[in-house]
Amino acid sequence: MLKEFKEFAVKGNVVDMAVGIIIGGAFGTIVKSLVADVIMPPIGLLLGGVDFSNLFVTLKEGKRLGPYLTLAQAQSSGAVTISYGIFLNALVSFLIVAFSVFLLVKGINRLKREEAPAEPTTKVCPRCTSAIPIKATRCPLCTSELE
């Protein structure tokens, strides 16, 4: 059984998939940082200094009564919250990843497209089997008339 697993694990598709998962995880981390640290702060600034990671709605007060200025304060006091700001960050991250994957698939599909074979420019003489131009009516080597 161990031998069969080893044969399965070293197949090209499994290794390719593992590499893809590892790179995808790293890419997800980069995109998350891009959204949280680069994209959302200017958007929040344009909207009047809003910090999207601190947008939340309190459903139930915690041990210490609100109002809570940050999500961390609300969560540390045990309040039940809906953290829609974090959801917005995740949504923007997803859209960036989905767009990147779309571009990747589009590029791979472009590479996979096979070009139509070129029209032949020569034909074979039926008598001497030499290659001759396609429009020739007589073979230049054996002088046979061609149909």
N, C-alpha and C. Protein backbone atom coordinates (compact mmCIF):
# COMPACT_ATOMS: atom_id res chain seq x y z
N MET A 1 0.82 -1.19 0.00
CA MET A 1 0.00 0.00 0.00
C MET A 1 0.87 1.26 0.00
N LEU A 2 1.95 1.23 0.74
CA LEU A 2 2.87 2.36 0.77
C LEU A 2 3.49 2.59 -0.60
N LYS A 3 3.79 1.49 -1.29
CA LYS A 3 4.38 1.60 -2.63
C LYS A 3 3.39 2.26 -3.60
N GLU A 4 2.11 1.87 -3.51
CA GLU A 4 1.09 2.45 -4.38
C GLU A 4 0.92 3.94 -4.10
N PHE A 5 0.95 4.31 -2.82
CA PHE A 5 0.83 5.73 -2.48
C PHE A 5 2.02 6.51 -3.02
N LYS A 6 3.21 5.93 -2.91
CA LYS A 6 4.41 6.59 -3.41
C LYS A 6 4.31 6.80 -4.92
N GLU A 7 3.84 5.79 -5.64
CA GLU A 7 3.67 5.93 -7.09
C GLU A 7 2.66 7.03 -7.42
N PHE A 8 1.58 7.08 -6.65
CA PHE A 8 0.55 8.11 -6.86
C PHE A 8 1.10 9.49 -6.56
N ALA A 9 1.85 9.62 -5.46
CA ALA A 9 2.32 10.92 -5.00
C ALA A 9 3.36 11.53 -5.92
N VAL A 10 4.14 10.71 -6.61
CA VAL A 10 5.19 11.27 -7.46
C VAL A 10 4.73 11.46 -8.91
N LYS A 11 3.47 11.19 -9.19
CA LYS A 11 2.97 11.46 -10.53
C LYS A 11 2.99 12.95 -10.78
N GLY A 12 3.14 13.35 -12.01
CA GLY A 12 3.26 14.75 -12.37
C GLY A 12 2.09 15.60 -11.92
N ASN A 13 0.86 15.10 -12.05
CA ASN A 13 -0.30 15.91 -11.71
C ASN A 13 -0.36 16.23 -10.23
N VAL A 14 0.00 15.28 -9.38
CA VAL A 14 -0.06 15.50 -7.94
C VAL A 14 0.97 16.54 -7.52
N VAL A 15 2.16 16.42 -8.06
CA VAL A 15 3.21 17.39 -7.73
C VAL A 15 2.83 18.77 -8.26
N ASP A 16 2.31 18.84 -9.47
CA ASP A 16 1.86 20.13 -10.02
C ASP A 16 0.77 20.75 -9.16
N MET A 17 -0.15 19.92 -8.70
CA MET A 17 -1.23 20.42 -7.87
C MET A 17 -0.69 20.95 -6.54
N ALA A 18 0.25 20.22 -5.95
CA ALA A 18 0.83 20.66 -4.67
C ALA A 18 1.55 22.00 -4.84
N VAL A 19 2.30 22.15 -5.91
CA VAL A 19 3.00 23.41 -6.17
C VAL A 19 1.98 24.53 -6.37
N GLY A 20 0.90 24.25 -7.10
CA GLY A 20 -0.14 25.24 -7.31
C GLY A 20 -0.81 25.68 -6.02
N ILE A 21 -1.05 24.74 -5.12
CA ILE A 21 -1.67 25.07 -3.84
C ILE A 21 -0.75 25.94 -3.01
N ILE A 22 0.53 25.60 -2.98
CA ILE A 22 1.50 26.38 -2.20
C ILE A 22 1.62 27.80 -2.76
N ILE A 23 1.75 27.92 -4.06
CA ILE A 23 1.85 29.25 -4.68
C ILE A 23 0.55 30.02 -4.49
N GLY A 24 -0.59 29.32 -4.60
CA GLY A 24 -1.88 29.97 -4.38
C GLY A 24 -2.02 30.53 -2.97
N GLY A 25 -1.55 29.76 -1.99
CA GLY A 25 -1.59 30.25 -0.60
C GLY A 25 -0.74 31.49 -0.42
N ALA A 26 0.46 31.46 -1.00
CA ALA A 26 1.34 32.63 -0.91
C ALA A 26 0.72 33.82 -1.64
N PHE A 27 0.12 33.57 -2.79
CA PHE A 27 -0.51 34.64 -3.56
C PHE A 27 -1.67 35.23 -2.78
N GLY A 28 -2.44 34.37 -2.10
CA GLY A 28 -3.55 34.85 -1.29
C GLY A 28 -3.09 35.77 -0.17
N THR A 29 -1.96 35.44 0.44
CA THR A 29 -1.40 36.28 1.50
C THR A 29 -0.98 37.64 0.95
N ILE A 30 -0.37 37.63 -0.22
CA ILE A 30 0.06 38.88 -0.85
C ILE A 30 -1.16 39.74 -1.19
N VAL A 31 -2.19 39.12 -1.75
CA VAL A 31 -3.39 39.87 -2.11
C VAL A 31 -4.08 40.42 -0.87
N LYS A 32 -4.12 39.63 0.20
CA LYS A 32 -4.75 40.11 1.44
C LYS A 32 -4.01 41.34 1.96
N SER A 33 -2.69 41.31 1.92
CA SER A 33 -1.91 42.47 2.35
C SER A 33 -2.13 43.65 1.41
N LEU A 34 -2.19 43.38 0.11
CA LEU A 34 -2.43 44.44 -0.87
C LEU A 34 -3.75 45.15 -0.57
N VAL A 35 -4.77 44.37 -0.31
CA VAL A 35 -6.09 44.95 -0.05
C VAL A 35 -6.10 45.71 1.27
N ALA A 36 -5.63 45.06 2.35
CA ALA A 36 -5.71 45.66 3.68
C ALA A 36 -4.76 46.83 3.86
N ASP A 37 -3.57 46.76 3.23
CA ASP A 37 -2.55 47.77 3.50
C ASP A 37 -2.36 48.81 2.40
N VAL A 38 -2.82 48.51 1.18
CA VAL A 38 -2.57 49.43 0.06
C VAL A 38 -3.86 49.98 -0.54
N ILE A 39 -4.84 49.12 -0.79
CA ILE A 39 -6.05 49.56 -1.51
C ILE A 39 -7.07 50.21 -0.58
N MET A 40 -7.39 49.54 0.53
CA MET A 40 -8.47 50.03 1.40
C MET A 40 -8.13 51.32 2.15
N PRO A 41 -6.90 51.57 2.61
CA PRO A 41 -6.64 52.84 3.31
C PRO A 41 -6.94 54.08 2.47
N PRO A 42 -6.50 54.15 1.18
CA PRO A 42 -6.88 55.33 0.40
C PRO A 42 -8.40 55.44 0.17
N ILE A 43 -9.06 54.30 -0.02
CA ILE A 43 -10.51 54.33 -0.19
C ILE A 43 -11.16 54.84 1.09
N GLY A 44 -10.69 54.36 2.24
CA GLY A 44 -11.21 54.83 3.52
C GLY A 44 -10.95 56.31 3.71
N LEU A 45 -9.78 56.78 3.27
CA LEU A 45 -9.43 58.20 3.37
C LEU A 45 -10.38 59.05 2.52
N LEU A 46 -10.67 58.56 1.31
CA LEU A 46 -11.60 59.27 0.43
C LEU A 46 -13.01 59.32 1.00
N LEU A 47 -13.36 58.31 1.79
CA LEU A 47 -14.70 58.25 2.39
C LEU A 47 -14.74 58.90 3.77
N GLY A 48 -13.75 59.70 4.08
CA GLY A 48 -13.78 60.44 5.34
C GLY A 48 -13.03 59.77 6.47
N GLY A 49 -11.97 59.06 6.18
CA GLY A 49 -11.15 58.45 7.23
C GLY A 49 -11.72 57.17 7.80
N VAL A 50 -12.46 56.42 7.02
CA VAL A 50 -13.06 55.18 7.48
C VAL A 50 -12.01 54.07 7.45
N ASP A 51 -11.89 53.33 8.56
CA ASP A 51 -11.03 52.15 8.61
C ASP A 51 -11.93 50.94 8.40
N PHE A 52 -11.84 50.32 7.24
CA PHE A 52 -12.75 49.23 6.90
C PHE A 52 -12.64 48.05 7.84
N SER A 53 -11.45 47.79 8.38
CA SER A 53 -11.31 46.65 9.28
C SER A 53 -12.04 46.89 10.60
N ASN A 54 -12.42 48.11 10.90
CA ASN A 54 -13.14 48.42 12.14
C ASN A 54 -14.62 48.73 11.91
N LEU A 55 -15.15 48.38 10.76
CA LEU A 55 -16.58 48.55 10.52
C LEU A 55 -17.31 47.33 11.05
N PHE A 56 -18.19 47.53 11.99
CA PHE A 56 -18.92 46.41 12.59
C PHE A 56 -20.23 46.91 13.18
N VAL A 57 -21.13 45.98 13.42
CA VAL A 57 -22.40 46.25 14.07
C VAL A 57 -22.45 45.37 15.31
N THR A 58 -22.77 45.97 16.45
CA THR A 58 -22.86 45.22 17.70
C THR A 58 -24.26 44.62 17.82
N LEU A 59 -24.33 43.31 17.93
CA LEU A 59 -25.61 42.62 18.11
C LEU A 59 -25.97 42.48 19.58
N LYS A 60 -24.94 42.23 20.40
CA LYS A 60 -25.18 42.06 21.83
C LYS A 60 -23.98 42.62 22.58
N GLU A 61 -24.23 43.42 23.59
CA GLU A 61 -23.16 44.01 24.40
C GLU A 61 -22.37 42.92 25.12
N GLY A 62 -21.12 43.22 25.38
CA GLY A 62 -20.27 42.29 26.11
C GLY A 62 -20.28 42.60 27.60
N LYS A 63 -19.25 42.11 28.32
CA LYS A 63 -19.14 42.34 29.76
C LYS A 63 -19.01 43.83 30.05
N ARG A 64 -18.19 44.50 29.24
CA ARG A 64 -18.05 45.96 29.38
C ARG A 64 -19.00 46.59 28.37
N LEU A 65 -19.83 47.49 28.80
CA LEU A 65 -20.83 48.09 27.90
C LEU A 65 -20.18 49.06 26.93
N GLY A 66 -20.76 49.18 25.74
CA GLY A 66 -20.24 50.03 24.67
C GLY A 66 -20.51 51.48 24.93
N PRO A 67 -20.27 52.34 24.02
CA PRO A 67 -19.91 52.06 22.63
C PRO A 67 -18.45 51.64 22.49
N TYR A 68 -18.22 50.78 21.52
CA TYR A 68 -16.88 50.27 21.26
C TYR A 68 -16.30 51.05 20.08
N LEU A 69 -15.09 51.55 20.25
CA LEU A 69 -14.46 52.34 19.19
C LEU A 69 -13.84 51.46 18.11
N THR A 70 -13.38 50.29 18.51
CA THR A 70 -12.76 49.38 17.53
C THR A 70 -13.36 48.00 17.67
N LEU A 71 -13.16 47.20 16.65
CA LEU A 71 -13.62 45.82 16.66
C LEU A 71 -12.88 45.03 17.74
N ALA A 72 -11.61 45.32 17.92
CA ALA A 72 -10.82 44.61 18.93
C ALA A 72 -11.39 44.87 20.33
N GLN A 73 -11.80 46.10 20.61
CA GLN A 73 -12.41 46.41 21.91
C GLN A 73 -13.70 45.63 22.10
N ALA A 74 -14.51 45.59 21.07
CA ALA A 74 -15.79 44.88 21.16
C ALA A 74 -15.56 43.39 21.38
N GLN A 75 -14.63 42.82 20.65
CA GLN A 75 -14.39 41.39 20.79
C GLN A 75 -13.73 41.05 22.12
N SER A 76 -12.85 41.92 22.61
CA SER A 76 -12.20 41.63 23.90
C SER A 76 -13.20 41.71 25.06
N SER A 77 -14.27 42.50 24.91
CA SER A 77 -15.26 42.57 25.97
C SER A 77 -16.32 41.48 25.83
N GLY A 78 -16.22 40.68 24.77
CA GLY A 78 -17.17 39.58 24.58
C GLY A 78 -18.43 39.96 23.84
N ALA A 79 -18.44 41.09 23.18
CA ALA A 79 -19.62 41.52 22.44
C ALA A 79 -19.79 40.65 21.18
N VAL A 80 -21.03 40.44 20.80
CA VAL A 80 -21.34 39.72 19.57
C VAL A 80 -21.49 40.75 18.46
N THR A 81 -20.67 40.60 17.41
CA THR A 81 -20.65 41.61 16.35
C THR A 81 -20.77 40.98 14.97
N ILE A 82 -21.22 41.80 14.02
CA ILE A 82 -21.14 41.46 12.60
C ILE A 82 -20.04 42.36 12.04
N SER A 83 -18.94 41.75 11.61
CA SER A 83 -17.77 42.50 11.15
C SER A 83 -17.82 42.67 9.63
N TYR A 84 -18.67 43.56 9.16
CA TYR A 84 -18.84 43.71 7.71
C TYR A 84 -17.66 44.39 7.05
N GLY A 85 -16.84 45.12 7.79
CA GLY A 85 -15.64 45.74 7.22
C GLY A 85 -14.62 44.69 6.81
N ILE A 86 -14.43 43.68 7.66
CA ILE A 86 -13.52 42.59 7.32
C ILE A 86 -14.06 41.82 6.13
N PHE A 87 -15.40 41.66 6.08
CA PHE A 87 -16.01 41.01 4.93
C PHE A 87 -15.76 41.79 3.64
N LEU A 88 -15.85 43.12 3.70
CA LEU A 88 -15.56 43.93 2.51
C LEU A 88 -14.11 43.74 2.06
N ASN A 89 -13.17 43.70 3.01
CA ASN A 89 -11.77 43.44 2.66
C ASN A 89 -11.63 42.08 1.98
N ALA A 90 -12.29 41.06 2.52
CA ALA A 90 -12.23 39.72 1.95
C ALA A 90 -12.85 39.69 0.56
N LEU A 91 -13.93 40.45 0.37
CA LEU A 91 -14.59 40.50 -0.92
C LEU A 91 -13.67 41.13 -1.98
N VAL A 92 -13.02 42.23 -1.64
CA VAL A 92 -12.08 42.86 -2.57
C VAL A 92 -10.92 41.92 -2.86
N SER A 93 -10.42 41.22 -1.85
CA SER A 93 -9.34 40.25 -2.06
C SER A 93 -9.79 39.16 -3.03
N PHE A 94 -10.99 38.66 -2.83
CA PHE A 94 -11.52 37.62 -3.72
C PHE A 94 -11.61 38.12 -5.15
N LEU A 95 -12.12 39.32 -5.34
CA LEU A 95 -12.25 39.86 -6.69
C LEU A 95 -10.89 40.00 -7.37
N ILE A 96 -9.87 40.41 -6.62
CA ILE A 96 -8.53 40.52 -7.19
C ILE A 96 -8.00 39.15 -7.58
N VAL A 97 -8.17 38.17 -6.69
CA VAL A 97 -7.70 36.81 -7.00
C VAL A 97 -8.47 36.25 -8.19
N ALA A 98 -9.78 36.43 -8.22
CA ALA A 98 -10.58 35.91 -9.33
C ALA A 98 -10.17 36.55 -10.65
N PHE A 99 -9.91 37.84 -10.64
CA PHE A 99 -9.47 38.52 -11.85
C PHE A 99 -8.10 38.01 -12.28
N SER A 100 -7.21 37.79 -11.32
CA SER A 100 -5.88 37.27 -11.64
C SER A 100 -5.96 35.87 -12.24
N VAL A 101 -6.81 35.03 -11.65
CA VAL A 101 -6.97 33.67 -12.18
C VAL A 101 -7.58 33.73 -13.58
N PHE A 102 -8.54 34.63 -13.79
CA PHE A 102 -9.12 34.80 -15.12
C PHE A 102 -8.04 35.16 -16.14
N LEU A 103 -7.17 36.10 -15.78
CA LEU A 103 -6.09 36.48 -16.70
C LEU A 103 -5.13 35.33 -16.95
N LEU A 104 -4.85 34.54 -15.91
CA LEU A 104 -3.97 33.39 -16.05
C LEU A 104 -4.58 32.35 -16.98
N VAL A 105 -5.85 32.03 -16.78
CA VAL A 105 -6.52 31.05 -17.64
C VAL A 105 -6.60 31.55 -19.07
N LYS A 106 -6.87 32.84 -19.23
CA LYS A 106 -6.94 33.41 -20.58
C LYS A 106 -5.58 33.29 -21.28
N GLY A 107 -4.50 33.56 -20.56
CA GLY A 107 -3.16 33.43 -21.13
C GLY A 107 -2.81 32.00 -21.48
N ILE A 108 -3.18 31.06 -20.60
CA ILE A 108 -2.90 29.65 -20.88
C ILE A 108 -3.71 29.18 -22.08
N ASN A 109 -4.96 29.58 -22.18
CA ASN A 109 -5.77 29.19 -23.33
C ASN A 109 -5.21 29.74 -24.62
N ARG A 110 -4.66 30.95 -24.57
CA ARG A 110 -4.05 31.53 -25.76
C ARG A 110 -2.83 30.71 -26.19
N LEU A 111 -2.07 30.23 -25.22
CA LEU A 111 -0.90 29.42 -25.53
C LEU A 111 -1.29 28.04 -26.06
N LYS A 112 -2.43 27.51 -25.60
CA LYS A 112 -2.86 26.18 -26.01
C LYS A 112 -3.47 26.15 -27.40
N ARG A 113 -3.97 27.29 -27.86
CA ARG A 113 -4.60 27.31 -29.18
C ARG A 113 -3.60 26.89 -30.24
N GLU A 114 -4.02 25.93 -31.02
CA GLU A 114 -3.15 25.47 -32.10
C GLU A 114 -3.46 26.28 -33.35
N GLU A 115 -2.41 26.68 -34.01
CA GLU A 115 -2.61 27.41 -35.25
C GLU A 115 -3.01 26.43 -36.34
N ALA A 116 -3.82 26.90 -37.28
CA ALA A 116 -4.25 26.05 -38.38
C ALA A 116 -3.02 25.68 -39.22
N PRO A 117 -2.95 24.44 -39.63
CA PRO A 117 -1.79 24.05 -40.44
C PRO A 117 -1.76 24.87 -41.73
N ALA A 118 -0.56 25.23 -42.12
CA ALA A 118 -0.38 26.03 -43.34
C ALA A 118 -0.76 25.21 -44.56
N GLU A 119 -1.24 25.90 -45.57
CA GLU A 119 -1.58 25.23 -46.82
C GLU A 119 -0.31 24.62 -47.42
N PRO A 120 -0.41 23.40 -47.94
CA PRO A 120 0.80 22.80 -48.54
C PRO A 120 1.27 23.58 -49.76
N THR A 121 2.59 23.66 -49.93
CA THR A 121 3.16 24.37 -51.08
C THR A 121 3.77 23.40 -52.07
N THR A 122 3.86 22.13 -51.68
CA THR A 122 4.41 21.12 -52.59
C THR A 122 3.51 19.91 -52.63
N LYS A 123 3.72 19.09 -53.66
CA LYS A 123 3.04 17.80 -53.77
C LYS A 123 4.07 16.78 -54.24
N VAL A 124 3.70 15.51 -54.21
CA VAL A 124 4.63 14.45 -54.57
C VAL A 124 4.30 13.95 -55.98
N CYS A 125 5.34 13.82 -56.77
CA CYS A 125 5.17 13.26 -58.12
C CYS A 125 4.85 11.78 -57.97
N PRO A 126 3.78 11.30 -58.62
CA PRO A 126 3.40 9.88 -58.47
C PRO A 126 4.40 8.92 -59.14
N ARG A 127 5.21 9.40 -60.06
CA ARG A 127 6.16 8.53 -60.76
C ARG A 127 7.50 8.42 -60.02
N CYS A 128 8.10 9.58 -59.69
CA CYS A 128 9.44 9.55 -59.09
C CYS A 128 9.44 9.90 -57.61
N THR A 129 8.32 10.20 -57.04
CA THR A 129 8.10 10.55 -55.63
C THR A 129 8.94 11.73 -55.14
N SER A 130 9.28 12.63 -56.04
CA SER A 130 10.00 13.84 -55.63
C SER A 130 9.00 14.93 -55.28
N ALA A 131 9.44 15.87 -54.47
CA ALA A 131 8.58 16.99 -54.08
C ALA A 131 8.64 18.05 -55.16
N ILE A 132 7.47 18.50 -55.60
CA ILE A 132 7.40 19.51 -56.65
C ILE A 132 6.39 20.58 -56.24
N PRO A 133 6.47 21.78 -56.81
CA PRO A 133 5.50 22.83 -56.47
C PRO A 133 4.07 22.37 -56.73
N ILE A 134 3.15 22.83 -55.92
CA ILE A 134 1.77 22.39 -55.98
C ILE A 134 1.10 22.75 -57.31
N LYS A 135 1.53 23.85 -57.95
CA LYS A 135 0.91 24.28 -59.20
C LYS A 135 1.55 23.67 -60.44
N ALA A 136 2.57 22.85 -60.23
CA ALA A 136 3.27 22.27 -61.38
C ALA A 136 2.37 21.30 -62.13
N THR A 137 2.48 21.31 -63.50
CA THR A 137 1.71 20.38 -64.33
C THR A 137 2.61 19.31 -64.93
N ARG A 138 3.93 19.48 -64.74
CA ARG A 138 4.90 18.50 -65.21
C ARG A 138 6.02 18.42 -64.18
N CYS A 139 6.47 17.22 -63.88
CA CYS A 139 7.55 17.01 -62.92
C CYS A 139 8.87 17.47 -63.53
N PRO A 140 9.62 18.35 -62.86
CA PRO A 140 10.89 18.81 -63.43
C PRO A 140 11.99 17.75 -63.41
N LEU A 141 11.82 16.67 -62.64
CA LEU A 141 12.85 15.65 -62.57
C LEU A 141 12.62 14.52 -63.58
N CYS A 142 11.40 14.00 -63.62
CA CYS A 142 11.13 12.87 -64.53
C CYS A 142 10.31 13.27 -65.73
N THR A 143 9.94 14.51 -65.84
CA THR A 143 9.14 15.11 -66.91
C THR A 143 7.77 14.46 -67.12
N SER A 144 7.25 13.77 -66.12
CA SER A 144 5.92 13.17 -66.23
C SER A 144 4.88 14.28 -66.16
N GLU A 145 3.82 14.07 -66.97
CA GLU A 145 2.71 15.00 -66.88
C GLU A 145 1.87 14.66 -65.64
N LEU A 146 1.44 15.73 -64.92
CA LEU A 146 0.69 15.53 -63.71
C LEU A 146 -0.77 15.91 -63.92
N GLU A 147 -1.64 15.29 -63.20
CA GLU A 147 -3.06 15.58 -63.34
C GLU A 147 -3.44 16.77 -62.50
